[in-house]
Amino acid sequence: MSDKYQYNKKDQELALGNDELICAHLGDEYEKFLGAVIPPLFQNSLHVHPTVEAMWDPEPGTFRYARVSNPTVDIFERKVAALERTERAVAFGSGMGAITGCILAAVSCGGHFVGVEGMYGPTRTFVTDFFPKIGVEATYITGSCLEELKAALKPNTQCIYLESPTSVALRMQDLAAIAAIAKERGIPTIIDNSWASPIYQKPHLLGIDMVAHTVSKYIGGHSDIVAGIACGSDEWMTKVAKVREIYGSMLGPFEAWLAIRGLRTLPVRLKASMAAGLKVARFLEQHPQVERVIYPGLESHPDFAIGQKQLSGYGSLMSFLPKGDIEQIKAFANRLTWFKLGVSWGGFESLITVSRHNPTPEEQERRGVYPGLVRIYVGLEDVEVLIEDLDSSLKQIV
């Protein structure tokens, strides 16, 4: 970690690896904030300086303008950087801001991008719609075959983009093996780590260069903020921060304050999510009205062995395919009481979505998605009540 990002002694000790202490206390600095248990919200757009010289050449750790930096955002960034075991983190106004910030820091006109087929839909839209405007070519891979990855790489490949597990199909990639291939060729790697959170997967320790999160999910945890964050080396995050500054996608201080609140309970919430998620996944797997369940914590998952190597736990987002046609599946979802129809996840409430996509057989094979695929997020309600809700509606499929 460079001198610029060396903070007080307590921060350095916490950053050695205790995730619970990082979430609860790193960056709080009681002595600096008049003994306040919760650091104050710096809801200001600018900071003034004592002299012209100080304004021209500010000391490390000082602040100037909120489009570039803010004390509340800084605390949030320090916590997440420590959780991911990276030198620095850069917070954005949305998860897509963090993802595109990392990608734009890596690619340039004339370059080539390799990404996994099952990446988050808006990320793929960004690649499909925006890359032609800046002269970048894209190739998609399943991510499950290292030889396929090697064959996809070109002399001008500037980035390998991963998402493990992927958004709907929940397929995983062998991060350490892919990082080794990339480093041998000098190609930076990026991953969307939202599903696992920085608690259950630390891609940077496996060799991945940049790690992005949609903070609106597990980190925020209360369905009341839209935010994102990117983590990596000082070198890469300086480039990412420049993209953020120029594109004006800085995280606001109030959202950062809420995200810090979310971090304080993240380890506890994830333990509850994993326990409930495993219980629901096992229930669905044995249900007679369910065709298949896609959940990395089940031994039946095709990438279960990879998950055992690189995940220390599992969330509660999963997909499954009920029996019946699309009208029966829609009716199943509409009957549910406690699983609300909604596109997000990671908060306290249980959610369900039904895929509108009608994939071709080739897409089903490459992307692991199927017509009528249902995605559910198991929230923090009583898990037995949630199981009864699912069971009652599934039994009405005929």
Protein backbone atom coordinates (compact mmCIF):
# COMPACT_ATOMS: atom_id res chain seq x y z
CA MET A 1 0.00 0.00 0.00
CA SER A 2 1.45 3.37 -1.01
CA ASP A 3 2.13 6.14 1.52
CA LYS A 4 -0.82 8.08 0.15
CA TYR A 5 -3.18 5.42 1.44
CA GLN A 6 -1.50 4.62 4.77
CA TYR A 7 -3.94 5.72 7.46
CA ASN A 8 -3.76 5.49 11.24
CA LYS A 9 -2.27 2.54 13.10
CA LYS A 10 -5.66 1.07 13.98
CA ASP A 11 -6.62 0.95 10.29
CA GLN A 12 -3.40 -0.83 9.41
CA GLU A 13 -3.95 -3.45 12.11
CA LEU A 14 -7.58 -4.02 11.13
CA ALA A 15 -6.61 -4.36 7.49
CA LEU A 16 -4.58 -7.45 8.37
CA GLY A 17 -7.68 -9.54 7.91
CA ASN A 18 -10.50 -9.48 10.45
CA ASP A 19 -13.56 -8.77 8.32
CA GLU A 20 -15.90 -8.23 11.29
CA LEU A 21 -13.61 -5.58 12.79
CA ILE A 22 -13.12 -3.93 9.40
CA CYS A 23 -16.87 -3.63 8.91
CA ALA A 24 -17.52 -2.42 12.45
CA HIS A 25 -14.61 -0.08 13.17
CA LEU A 26 -12.10 0.64 10.39
CA GLY A 27 -11.97 4.36 9.61
CA ASP A 28 -14.27 5.40 12.46
CA GLU A 29 -11.47 7.30 14.27
CA TYR A 30 -13.37 8.22 17.45
CA GLU A 31 -10.61 10.58 18.56
CA LYS A 32 -10.94 12.53 15.29
CA PHE A 33 -14.74 12.85 15.41
CA LEU A 34 -15.27 13.98 19.03
CA GLY A 35 -15.87 10.44 20.28
CA ALA A 36 -18.80 9.81 17.92
CA VAL A 37 -19.48 6.09 17.49
CA ILE A 38 -20.79 6.83 13.99
CA PRO A 39 -18.57 9.19 11.94
CA PRO A 40 -20.44 12.34 10.89
CA LEU A 41 -21.97 12.85 7.45
CA PHE A 42 -19.95 15.39 5.46
CA GLN A 43 -22.80 16.73 3.33
CA ASN A 44 -20.75 19.43 1.64
CA SER A 45 -19.65 20.02 -1.93
CA LEU A 46 -16.28 21.69 -1.29
CA HIS A 47 -13.46 22.23 1.19
CA VAL A 48 -11.46 25.42 1.60
CA HIS A 49 -7.71 25.74 2.12
CA PRO A 50 -5.59 27.88 4.46
CA THR A 51 -3.21 29.15 1.76
CA VAL A 52 -2.84 29.33 -2.01
CA GLU A 53 0.08 26.93 -1.74
CA ALA A 54 -2.05 24.39 0.12
CA MET A 55 -4.76 24.72 -2.53
CA TRP A 56 -2.29 24.24 -5.37
CA ASP A 57 -0.53 21.29 -3.77
CA PRO A 58 -2.83 19.71 -1.15
CA GLU A 59 -1.42 17.31 1.39
CA PRO A 60 -2.36 13.62 1.08
CA GLY A 61 -5.63 12.92 2.84
CA THR A 62 -7.05 16.42 2.34
CA PHE A 63 -10.17 17.16 0.32
CA ARG A 64 -11.10 19.75 -2.28
CA TYR A 65 -14.30 19.09 -4.24
CA ALA A 66 -17.00 16.42 -3.85
CA ARG A 67 -16.89 15.30 -7.49
CA VAL A 68 -13.40 14.03 -6.70
CA SER A 69 -13.41 13.08 -3.00
CA ASN A 70 -15.37 13.41 0.24
CA PRO A 71 -14.53 12.41 3.85
CA THR A 72 -17.63 10.19 4.28
CA VAL A 73 -17.04 8.48 0.94
CA ASP A 74 -13.39 8.05 1.93
CA ILE A 75 -14.32 6.05 5.04
CA PHE A 76 -16.54 3.77 3.00
CA GLU A 77 -13.80 3.24 0.41
CA ARG A 78 -11.23 2.40 3.08
CA LYS A 79 -13.50 -0.23 4.61
CA VAL A 80 -14.23 -2.00 1.33
CA ALA A 81 -10.61 -1.85 0.17
CA ALA A 82 -9.59 -3.57 3.41
CA LEU A 83 -12.32 -6.20 3.02
CA GLU A 84 -11.14 -6.99 -0.52
CA ARG A 85 -7.46 -6.88 0.56
CA THR A 86 -6.68 -4.24 -2.05
CA GLU A 87 -4.70 -1.02 -1.85
CA ARG A 88 -7.56 1.28 -2.72
CA ALA A 89 -11.27 1.46 -3.53
CA VAL A 90 -13.21 4.00 -5.61
CA ALA A 91 -16.94 4.51 -4.92
CA PHE A 92 -19.49 5.33 -7.63
CA GLY A 93 -23.08 6.48 -7.84
CA SER A 94 -24.17 3.03 -9.09
CA GLY A 95 -22.91 -0.49 -9.65
CA MET A 96 -22.86 0.15 -13.39
CA GLY A 97 -20.72 3.20 -12.71
CA ALA A 98 -18.13 0.99 -10.98
CA ILE A 99 -18.26 -1.69 -13.68
CA THR A 100 -17.97 0.70 -16.61
CA GLY A 101 -15.35 2.73 -14.76
CA CYS A 102 -13.12 -0.34 -14.51
CA ILE A 103 -13.72 -1.33 -18.13
CA LEU A 104 -13.06 2.15 -19.48
CA ALA A 105 -9.86 2.35 -17.45
CA ALA A 106 -8.64 -0.79 -19.26
CA VAL A 107 -9.79 -0.50 -22.89
CA SER A 108 -9.06 2.01 -25.65
CA CYS A 109 -9.66 2.43 -29.37
CA GLY A 110 -8.33 -0.50 -31.37
CA GLY A 111 -8.47 -2.85 -28.42
CA HIS A 112 -10.18 -6.17 -27.77
CA PHE A 113 -12.33 -7.22 -24.82
CA VAL A 114 -13.09 -10.77 -23.65
CA GLY A 115 -16.08 -11.27 -21.35
CA VAL A 116 -18.20 -14.09 -19.97
CA GLU A 117 -21.47 -14.87 -21.75
CA GLY A 118 -23.59 -14.70 -18.59
CA MET A 119 -22.55 -11.23 -17.48
CA TYR A 120 -25.15 -8.87 -15.99
CA GLY A 121 -27.53 -7.70 -18.71
CA PRO A 122 -26.79 -3.95 -18.56
CA THR A 123 -23.04 -4.70 -18.63
CA ARG A 124 -23.52 -6.65 -21.83
CA THR A 125 -25.63 -3.82 -23.23
CA PHE A 126 -22.80 -1.40 -22.46
CA VAL A 127 -20.34 -3.62 -24.34
CA THR A 128 -22.71 -4.18 -27.26
CA ASP A 129 -23.90 -0.58 -27.67
CA PHE A 130 -20.95 1.52 -26.50
CA PHE A 131 -17.87 -0.37 -27.70
CA PRO A 132 -18.54 0.24 -31.43
CA LYS A 133 -18.49 3.98 -30.68
CA ILE A 134 -14.97 3.81 -29.25
CA GLY A 135 -13.56 1.17 -31.60
CA VAL A 136 -13.28 -1.78 -29.23
CA GLU A 137 -14.04 -5.35 -30.35
CA ALA A 138 -15.67 -7.86 -27.99
CA THR A 139 -15.59 -11.66 -27.75
CA TYR A 140 -17.78 -13.68 -25.38
CA ILE A 141 -16.77 -16.94 -23.71
CA THR A 142 -18.56 -19.36 -21.42
CA GLY A 143 -15.80 -18.97 -18.83
CA SER A 144 -15.83 -22.67 -17.95
CA CYS A 145 -13.06 -23.77 -20.34
CA LEU A 146 -9.53 -22.40 -20.11
CA GLU A 147 -8.73 -23.52 -23.65
CA GLU A 148 -11.72 -21.54 -24.93
CA LEU A 149 -10.35 -18.48 -23.11
CA LYS A 150 -6.87 -18.92 -24.56
CA ALA A 151 -8.32 -19.26 -28.06
CA ALA A 152 -10.31 -16.05 -27.60
CA LEU A 153 -7.30 -13.93 -26.67
CA LYS A 154 -5.69 -11.73 -29.32
CA PRO A 155 -2.50 -9.64 -29.44
CA ASN A 156 -4.64 -6.52 -28.81
CA THR A 157 -6.75 -7.99 -25.96
CA GLN A 158 -6.88 -5.31 -23.29
CA CYS A 159 -9.23 -6.81 -20.72
CA ILE A 160 -10.79 -10.06 -19.49
CA TYR A 161 -14.13 -9.48 -17.77
CA LEU A 162 -15.52 -12.05 -15.33
CA GLU A 163 -18.61 -12.46 -13.18
CA SER A 164 -18.47 -15.36 -10.77
CA PRO A 165 -21.12 -16.47 -10.13
CA THR A 166 -22.95 -14.95 -13.11
CA SER A 167 -26.23 -13.09 -12.67
CA VAL A 168 -28.94 -15.65 -13.53
CA ALA A 169 -27.22 -18.88 -14.53
CA LEU A 170 -24.86 -18.58 -11.53
CA ARG A 171 -21.95 -20.18 -13.39
CA MET A 172 -18.48 -19.75 -11.92
CA GLN A 173 -15.03 -19.31 -13.39
CA ASP A 174 -11.72 -20.57 -11.98
CA LEU A 175 -10.39 -17.15 -10.98
CA ALA A 176 -6.85 -18.18 -10.04
CA ALA A 177 -6.34 -20.12 -13.28
CA ILE A 178 -7.72 -17.30 -15.45
CA ALA A 179 -5.68 -14.68 -13.58
CA ALA A 180 -2.51 -16.71 -14.18
CA ILE A 181 -3.21 -16.85 -17.93
CA ALA A 182 -3.94 -13.13 -18.01
CA LYS A 183 -0.84 -12.13 -16.05
CA GLU A 184 1.35 -14.23 -18.33
CA ARG A 185 0.10 -12.11 -21.23
CA GLY A 186 -0.07 -8.79 -19.37
CA ILE A 187 -3.86 -8.53 -19.68
CA PRO A 188 -5.80 -6.90 -16.79
CA THR A 189 -8.75 -8.77 -15.30
CA ILE A 190 -12.01 -7.39 -13.89
CA ILE A 191 -14.74 -9.16 -11.94
CA ASP A 192 -18.22 -8.31 -10.75
CA ASN A 193 -18.13 -9.77 -7.23
CA SER A 194 -21.61 -8.67 -6.11
CA TRP A 195 -23.10 -12.16 -5.63
CA ALA A 196 -20.45 -13.35 -3.18
CA SER A 197 -19.74 -9.99 -1.51
CA PRO A 198 -16.24 -9.14 -0.21
CA ILE A 199 -16.92 -11.41 2.76
CA TYR A 200 -17.36 -14.69 0.86
CA GLN A 201 -14.99 -14.15 -2.08
CA LYS A 202 -11.78 -12.13 -2.37
CA PRO A 203 -10.81 -12.22 -6.06
CA HIS A 204 -7.79 -9.94 -5.65
CA LEU A 205 -6.11 -12.60 -3.50
CA LEU A 206 -6.62 -14.99 -6.41
CA GLY A 207 -4.87 -12.63 -8.82
CA ILE A 208 -7.76 -10.57 -10.24
CA ASP A 209 -6.75 -6.95 -10.85
CA MET A 210 -10.03 -5.03 -10.39
CA VAL A 211 -13.07 -6.02 -8.34
CA ALA A 212 -16.45 -4.28 -8.72
CA HIS A 213 -19.55 -4.42 -6.52
CA THR A 214 -23.10 -3.22 -6.81
CA VAL A 215 -23.37 -1.72 -3.33
CA SER A 216 -27.17 -1.68 -3.65
CA LYS A 217 -27.09 -5.44 -3.03
CA TYR A 218 -25.51 -7.12 0.02
CA ILE A 219 -23.21 -4.29 1.07
CA GLY A 220 -26.03 -1.74 1.35
CA GLY A 221 -28.43 -4.41 2.49
CA HIS A 222 -31.54 -2.27 3.09
CA SER A 223 -32.88 -1.54 -0.42
CA ASP A 224 -32.52 2.20 0.07
CA ILE A 225 -29.41 3.19 -1.91
CA VAL A 226 -28.03 2.91 -5.43
CA ALA A 227 -24.22 2.77 -5.36
CA GLY A 228 -21.18 0.90 -6.62
CA ILE A 229 -17.52 0.46 -5.73
CA ALA A 230 -14.37 -0.71 -7.47
CA CYS A 231 -11.27 -2.09 -5.73
CA GLY A 232 -7.71 -2.81 -6.83
CA SER A 233 -4.15 -1.59 -6.80
CA ASP A 234 -3.32 2.08 -6.32
CA GLU A 235 -2.18 2.13 -9.96
CA TRP A 236 -5.44 0.79 -11.39
CA MET A 237 -7.70 2.69 -9.03
CA THR A 238 -6.00 5.97 -9.93
CA LYS A 239 -7.09 5.30 -13.53
CA VAL A 240 -10.59 4.29 -12.43
CA ALA A 241 -10.90 7.40 -10.25
CA LYS A 242 -10.01 9.54 -13.26
CA VAL A 243 -12.88 7.98 -15.22
CA ARG A 244 -15.18 8.68 -12.28
CA GLU A 245 -14.06 12.30 -12.06
CA ILE A 246 -14.46 13.03 -15.77
CA TYR A 247 -17.78 11.19 -16.15
CA GLY A 248 -19.12 12.75 -12.96
CA SER A 249 -20.21 9.48 -11.37
CA MET A 250 -19.01 10.08 -7.80
CA LEU A 251 -20.97 8.50 -4.95
CA GLY A 252 -22.86 11.04 -2.84
CA PRO A 253 -21.92 11.43 0.84
CA PHE A 254 -25.34 10.48 2.20
CA GLU A 255 -25.36 7.28 0.15
CA ALA A 256 -21.83 6.55 1.42
CA TRP A 257 -23.03 7.07 5.00
CA LEU A 258 -25.86 4.58 4.42
CA ALA A 259 -23.42 2.12 2.83
CA ILE A 260 -21.18 2.34 5.91
CA ARG A 261 -24.23 1.51 8.01
CA GLY A 262 -24.86 -1.51 5.77
CA LEU A 263 -21.29 -2.73 6.17
CA ARG A 264 -21.59 -2.83 9.97
CA THR A 265 -24.10 -5.68 9.80
CA LEU A 266 -22.87 -7.33 6.58
CA PRO A 267 -21.13 -10.35 8.19
CA VAL A 268 -24.15 -11.10 10.39
CA ARG A 269 -26.65 -10.69 7.56
CA LEU A 270 -24.63 -12.94 5.27
CA LYS A 271 -24.55 -15.74 7.83
CA ALA A 272 -28.34 -15.60 8.04
CA SER A 273 -28.63 -15.43 4.25
CA MET A 274 -26.41 -18.45 3.71
CA ALA A 275 -28.31 -20.56 6.26
CA ALA A 276 -31.67 -19.64 4.74
CA GLY A 277 -30.43 -19.92 1.16
CA LEU A 278 -29.10 -23.43 1.62
CA LYS A 279 -32.31 -24.52 3.31
CA VAL A 280 -34.52 -23.15 0.53
CA ALA A 281 -32.26 -24.54 -2.22
CA ARG A 282 -32.36 -28.03 -0.73
CA PHE A 283 -36.12 -27.80 -0.33
CA LEU A 284 -36.57 -26.80 -3.98
CA GLU A 285 -34.18 -29.49 -5.20
CA GLN A 286 -36.37 -32.25 -3.79
CA HIS A 287 -39.72 -30.68 -4.73
CA PRO A 288 -41.66 -32.73 -7.32
CA GLN A 289 -42.76 -29.59 -9.22
CA VAL A 290 -39.20 -28.30 -9.74
CA GLU A 291 -37.18 -29.35 -12.79
CA ARG A 292 -33.78 -28.07 -11.64
CA VAL A 293 -32.18 -25.75 -9.08
CA ILE A 294 -29.14 -23.58 -9.82
CA TYR A 295 -27.36 -22.66 -6.61
CA PRO A 296 -23.56 -22.77 -6.07
CA GLY A 297 -23.97 -24.20 -2.57
CA LEU A 298 -25.55 -27.42 -3.85
CA GLU A 299 -23.38 -30.39 -4.77
CA SER A 300 -25.44 -30.69 -7.97
CA HIS A 301 -24.17 -27.34 -9.25
CA PRO A 302 -21.81 -27.91 -12.23
CA ASP A 303 -19.18 -25.59 -10.71
CA PHE A 304 -19.50 -26.78 -7.11
CA ALA A 305 -15.82 -27.83 -7.00
CA ILE A 306 -14.69 -24.37 -8.17
CA GLY A 307 -16.83 -22.75 -5.52
CA GLN A 308 -15.27 -24.92 -2.85
CA LYS A 309 -11.86 -23.53 -3.86
CA GLN A 310 -12.65 -19.83 -4.02
CA LEU A 311 -15.83 -19.16 -2.03
CA SER A 312 -15.87 -19.14 1.76
CA GLY A 313 -19.67 -19.00 1.85
CA TYR A 314 -22.82 -18.63 -0.21
CA GLY A 315 -25.46 -15.97 -0.50
CA SER A 316 -29.17 -16.58 -0.94
CA LEU A 317 -29.69 -15.65 -4.59
CA MET A 318 -30.57 -18.67 -6.73
CA SER A 319 -32.40 -19.72 -9.87
CA PHE A 320 -34.70 -22.66 -10.50
CA LEU A 321 -36.94 -24.01 -13.23
CA PRO A 322 -40.44 -25.04 -12.18
CA LYS A 323 -42.28 -27.64 -14.19
CA GLY A 324 -45.02 -26.41 -16.49
CA ASP A 325 -45.25 -23.90 -19.32
CA ILE A 326 -44.53 -20.17 -19.08
CA GLU A 327 -48.14 -19.31 -18.17
CA GLN A 328 -48.07 -21.78 -15.28
CA ILE A 329 -44.72 -20.39 -14.12
CA LYS A 330 -46.04 -16.81 -14.23
CA ALA A 331 -49.10 -17.91 -12.25
CA PHE A 332 -46.81 -19.58 -9.69
CA ALA A 333 -44.92 -16.31 -9.18
CA ASN A 334 -48.11 -14.24 -8.99
CA ARG A 335 -49.54 -16.47 -6.24
CA LEU A 336 -46.63 -15.94 -3.84
CA THR A 337 -47.27 -13.90 -0.70
CA TRP A 338 -43.85 -13.14 0.77
CA PHE A 339 -41.69 -13.22 -2.37
CA LYS A 340 -42.36 -9.86 -4.00
CA LEU A 341 -41.89 -9.29 -7.74
CA GLY A 342 -38.78 -7.14 -8.08
CA VAL A 343 -35.53 -6.98 -10.03
CA SER A 344 -32.99 -6.32 -7.29
CA TRP A 345 -31.76 -8.38 -4.34
CA GLY A 346 -29.51 -8.22 -1.27
CA GLY A 347 -31.90 -6.42 1.08
CA PHE A 348 -34.09 -7.66 3.90
CA GLU A 349 -37.04 -8.59 1.64
CA SER A 350 -37.49 -11.77 -0.42
CA LEU A 351 -37.84 -11.22 -4.17
CA ILE A 352 -38.68 -13.14 -7.33
CA THR A 353 -38.28 -12.52 -11.06
CA VAL A 354 -39.29 -14.65 -14.05
CA SER A 355 -37.16 -14.56 -17.18
CA ARG A 356 -38.89 -13.17 -20.29
CA HIS A 357 -36.06 -14.37 -22.51
CA ASN A 358 -36.66 -17.29 -24.83
CA PRO A 359 -33.12 -18.57 -25.40
CA THR A 360 -32.15 -20.72 -28.33
CA PRO A 361 -30.77 -24.21 -27.61
CA GLU A 362 -27.26 -22.82 -28.23
CA GLU A 363 -27.84 -20.00 -25.73
CA GLN A 364 -29.16 -22.50 -23.20
CA GLU A 365 -25.96 -24.48 -23.58
CA ARG A 366 -23.53 -21.55 -23.53
CA ARG A 367 -25.24 -19.29 -21.00
CA GLY A 368 -27.04 -21.80 -18.78
CA VAL A 369 -30.41 -20.01 -19.02
CA TYR A 370 -33.72 -21.62 -19.89
CA PRO A 371 -37.24 -20.47 -20.88
CA GLY A 372 -39.25 -19.69 -17.74
CA LEU A 373 -36.22 -19.65 -15.46
CA VAL A 374 -37.11 -18.19 -12.06
CA ARG A 375 -34.67 -16.24 -9.92
CA ILE A 376 -35.39 -15.80 -6.23
CA TYR A 377 -33.63 -13.95 -3.48
CA VAL A 378 -34.23 -15.33 0.01
CA GLY A 379 -34.49 -12.40 2.41
CA LEU A 380 -34.35 -12.19 6.18
CA GLU A 381 -37.93 -13.28 6.91
CA ASP A 382 -38.62 -16.54 8.77
CA VAL A 383 -37.28 -19.20 6.40
CA GLU A 384 -40.03 -21.70 7.28
CA VAL A 385 -42.65 -19.12 6.26
CA LEU A 386 -40.82 -18.58 2.96
CA ILE A 387 -40.63 -22.31 2.26
CA GLU A 388 -44.35 -22.69 2.97
CA ASP A 389 -45.04 -19.83 0.58
CA LEU A 390 -43.05 -21.54 -2.21
CA ASP A 391 -44.49 -24.96 -1.48
CA SER A 392 -48.10 -23.75 -1.48
CA SER A 393 -47.75 -22.10 -4.87
CA LEU A 394 -45.67 -24.89 -6.46
CA LYS A 395 -48.30 -27.47 -5.50
CA GLN A 396 -50.86 -25.61 -7.61
CA ILE A 397 -48.87 -26.20 -10.82
CA VAL A 398 -50.72 -28.94 -12.73
